[in-house]
């Protein structure tokens, strides 16, 4: 057979199949199923009004002064300003406690920086050692640190088993095979436990 005849018969057969699919899809299946209608959702919002009472200005207090008139005028101008006088509601009754808790340096230890992978040496710009200081704190069960260059201050932990580990240009604090990230900070921050791929 000629190739042109085969192509023409295949084309007619394809058009016939498409026409039958269209007829079955639109004419037969559409008449058997109900059309899909979207339902409209209506929501009702209820708003309440709240009355906020305006802040009252503090009352002026009268002050008697037995000094000369020139000093009396200067004192009166001070107390006429509405923002300079406030009524206080705070008072201390009974014995006052004079206990002030200040942080104290307890121990100091110098440790060498280790690499997690033993065969890799530390880079030239890495610190070869760290000074770890243990500080006291009045807050129990809170572990915090502060790091400045190669000085590490720790609160809430013993420094006897601490080591510094260097991996991927980041320093980690190792305590009993637990690792904590220690980026440089200006104030004491909480230590967070991390997992390091070995």
Protein backbone atom coordinates (compact mmCIF):
# COMPACT_ATOMS: atom_id res chain seq x y z
CA UNK A 1 0.00 0.00 0.00
CA UNK A 2 0.90 3.49 -0.52
CA UNK A 3 2.14 5.48 2.49
CA UNK A 4 -0.19 8.37 1.75
CA UNK A 5 -3.26 6.11 1.92
CA UNK A 6 -2.16 4.64 5.27
CA UNK A 7 -1.57 8.14 6.64
CA UNK A 8 -4.99 9.34 5.46
CA UNK A 9 -6.78 6.31 6.98
CA UNK A 10 -4.91 6.83 10.32
CA UNK A 11 -5.89 10.51 10.34
CA UNK A 12 -9.57 9.71 9.75
CA UNK A 13 -9.46 7.02 12.44
CA UNK A 14 -7.94 9.50 14.96
CA UNK A 15 -10.60 12.16 14.19
CA UNK A 16 -13.33 9.52 14.65
CA UNK A 17 -11.96 8.51 18.08
CA UNK A 18 -11.76 12.16 19.22
CA UNK A 19 -15.34 12.79 18.10
CA UNK A 20 -16.59 9.73 19.99
CA UNK A 21 -14.78 10.74 23.18
CA UNK A 22 -16.27 14.22 22.97
CA UNK A 23 -19.76 12.82 22.41
CA UNK A 24 -19.54 10.36 25.33
CA UNK A 25 -18.00 12.91 27.69
CA UNK A 26 -20.29 15.85 27.00
CA UNK A 27 -23.57 14.33 25.89
CA UNK A 28 -23.89 11.10 27.88
CA UNK A 29 -22.00 11.66 31.16
CA UNK A 30 -23.16 15.25 31.59
CA UNK A 31 -26.80 14.30 31.40
CA UNK A 32 -26.44 11.56 34.06
CA UNK A 33 -24.66 13.68 36.71
CA UNK A 34 -25.99 16.83 38.35
CA UNK A 35 -23.98 19.94 37.72
CA UNK A 36 -21.66 21.08 40.54
CA UNK A 37 -22.82 24.34 42.10
CA UNK A 38 -20.54 26.18 44.51
CA UNK A 39 -22.19 27.19 47.75
CA UNK A 40 -21.70 30.68 49.00
CA UNK A 41 -20.44 30.91 52.58
CA UNK A 42 -21.72 33.84 54.61
CA UNK A 43 -19.96 34.81 57.81
CA UNK A 44 -21.28 37.27 60.34
CA UNK A 45 -18.84 39.37 62.32
CA UNK A 46 -19.87 40.75 65.66
CA UNK A 47 -17.85 43.61 67.08
CA UNK A 48 -17.93 44.94 70.59
CA UNK A 49 -16.95 48.40 71.68
CA UNK A 50 -14.69 48.79 74.66
CA UNK A 51 -14.57 51.91 76.77
CA UNK A 52 -11.10 52.86 77.97
CA UNK A 53 -10.97 55.34 80.80
CA UNK A 54 -8.52 58.20 80.17
CA UNK A 55 -5.46 58.49 82.40
CA UNK A 56 -5.87 61.05 85.14
CA UNK A 57 -3.22 63.65 85.76
CA UNK A 58 -1.47 63.42 89.12
CA UNK A 59 -2.60 65.80 91.82
CA UNK A 60 -0.38 68.72 92.68
CA UNK A 61 1.10 68.68 96.14
CA UNK A 62 1.53 71.84 98.13
CA UNK A 63 4.95 72.37 99.64
CA UNK A 64 5.63 74.90 102.35
CA UNK A 65 9.00 76.56 102.25
CA UNK A 66 10.30 78.78 105.03
CA UNK A 67 13.29 80.13 103.11
CA UNK A 68 13.72 83.45 101.33
CA UNK A 69 11.40 84.60 98.55
CA UNK A 70 13.93 84.12 95.75
CA UNK A 71 14.40 80.42 96.58
CA UNK A 72 10.62 80.09 97.01
CA UNK A 73 10.04 81.21 93.43
CA UNK A 74 12.50 78.68 92.07
CA UNK A 75 10.91 75.85 94.08
CA UNK A 76 7.40 76.84 92.98
CA UNK A 77 8.40 76.69 89.31
CA UNK A 78 9.74 73.17 89.83
CA UNK A 79 6.51 71.87 91.38
CA UNK A 80 4.17 73.57 88.93
CA UNK A 81 5.25 71.25 86.15
CA UNK A 82 2.68 68.41 85.84
CA UNK A 83 5.22 65.80 84.80
CA UNK A 84 7.57 66.30 87.75
CA UNK A 85 5.21 65.05 90.51
CA UNK A 86 3.86 61.51 90.59
CA UNK A 87 1.97 59.67 93.27
CA UNK A 88 3.87 56.61 94.31
CA UNK A 89 2.15 53.37 95.22
CA UNK A 90 5.34 51.50 96.11
CA UNK A 91 6.59 51.35 99.66
CA UNK A 92 8.79 49.09 101.76
CA UNK A 93 7.40 48.07 105.13
CA UNK A 94 9.41 46.24 107.72
CA UNK A 95 13.02 45.13 107.45
CA UNK A 96 14.81 45.94 104.23
CA UNK A 97 17.00 43.25 102.74
CA UNK A 98 20.42 44.53 101.71
CA UNK A 99 21.54 41.34 100.00
CA UNK A 100 23.07 42.07 96.63
CA UNK A 101 24.11 39.18 94.44
CA UNK A 102 27.09 39.94 92.29
CA UNK A 103 28.77 37.48 90.01
CA UNK A 104 32.14 36.23 91.19
CA UNK A 105 34.95 34.46 89.38
CA UNK A 106 35.24 30.94 90.82
CA UNK A 107 37.76 29.08 88.62
CA UNK A 108 39.94 29.63 85.58
CA UNK A 109 41.27 27.01 83.20
CA UNK A 110 43.26 27.18 79.94
CA UNK A 111 42.50 24.47 77.35
CA UNK A 112 43.93 23.72 73.92
CA UNK A 113 41.58 23.81 70.96
CA UNK A 114 41.01 20.35 69.46
CA UNK A 115 39.90 19.43 65.97
CA UNK A 116 37.02 16.94 65.67
CA UNK A 117 38.82 15.11 62.90
CA UNK A 118 42.23 14.15 64.27
CA UNK A 119 44.04 14.16 60.90
CA UNK A 120 43.10 17.80 60.11
CA UNK A 121 45.24 20.55 61.66
CA UNK A 122 43.87 23.88 62.88
CA UNK A 123 44.04 26.79 60.40
CA UNK A 124 46.52 29.59 61.00
CA UNK A 125 43.83 32.15 61.94
CA UNK A 126 42.25 29.86 64.60
CA UNK A 127 42.96 30.35 68.30
CA UNK A 128 45.29 27.61 69.61
CA UNK A 129 43.92 27.83 73.16
CA UNK A 130 41.00 29.23 75.15
CA UNK A 131 40.76 30.56 78.68
CA UNK A 132 37.58 29.26 80.33
CA UNK A 133 36.30 31.05 83.43
CA UNK A 134 33.60 29.73 85.75
CA UNK A 135 31.42 32.47 87.26
CA UNK A 136 28.90 32.22 90.07
CA UNK A 137 25.27 33.09 89.49
CA UNK A 138 22.26 33.45 91.82
CA UNK A 139 19.99 31.82 89.22
CA UNK A 140 19.99 28.04 89.56
CA UNK A 141 19.73 25.60 86.63
CA UNK A 142 20.47 28.23 84.00
CA UNK A 143 23.55 27.66 81.86
CA UNK A 144 24.84 30.79 80.10
CA UNK A 145 28.05 31.86 78.42
CA UNK A 146 29.84 34.93 77.12
CA UNK A 147 32.67 34.73 74.59
CA UNK A 148 35.10 37.41 73.55
CA UNK A 149 37.88 36.23 71.17
CA UNK A 150 39.48 33.30 73.04
CA UNK A 151 38.00 34.14 76.48
CA UNK A 152 34.94 32.06 77.49
CA UNK A 153 32.96 32.87 80.63
CA UNK A 154 30.47 30.20 81.78
CA UNK A 155 27.76 30.34 84.46
CA UNK A 156 25.94 27.33 85.87
CA UNK A 157 28.44 24.60 84.84
CA UNK A 158 31.62 23.07 86.20
CA UNK A 159 34.61 23.73 83.92
CA UNK A 160 36.65 20.66 84.88
CA UNK A 161 35.47 18.50 81.94
CA UNK A 162 35.18 21.28 79.33
CA UNK A 163 37.07 21.32 76.02
CA UNK A 164 36.94 23.58 72.98
CA UNK A 165 36.46 21.94 69.55
CA UNK A 166 37.00 23.58 66.16
CA UNK A 167 34.98 22.36 63.15
CA UNK A 168 34.13 24.18 59.87
CA UNK A 169 35.41 27.56 61.16
CA UNK A 170 33.09 27.35 64.21
CA UNK A 171 34.09 26.85 67.84
CA UNK A 172 32.10 24.42 69.98
CA UNK A 173 32.14 23.79 73.72
CA UNK A 174 32.41 20.07 74.53
CA UNK A 175 31.21 18.80 77.89
CA UNK A 176 31.00 15.00 78.33
CA UNK A 177 30.50 14.40 74.57
CA UNK A 178 27.80 17.08 74.36
CA UNK A 179 28.46 20.00 72.05
CA UNK A 180 27.33 23.62 72.38
CA UNK A 181 27.85 26.34 69.78
CA UNK A 182 29.71 29.37 71.21
CA UNK A 183 29.72 32.31 68.81
CA UNK A 184 31.09 35.61 70.13
CA UNK A 185 28.64 37.59 72.31
CA UNK A 186 28.63 40.86 74.22
CA UNK A 187 26.48 39.61 77.11
CA UNK A 188 25.66 36.28 78.71
CA UNK A 189 23.43 34.10 76.52
CA UNK A 190 21.91 30.63 76.94
CA UNK A 191 23.89 27.61 75.75
CA UNK A 192 22.03 25.46 73.23
CA UNK A 193 22.83 21.77 72.73
CA UNK A 194 23.81 20.71 69.18
CA UNK A 195 24.69 17.50 67.42
CA UNK A 196 27.91 17.47 65.40
CA UNK A 197 28.39 14.96 62.57
CA UNK A 198 31.47 12.90 63.33
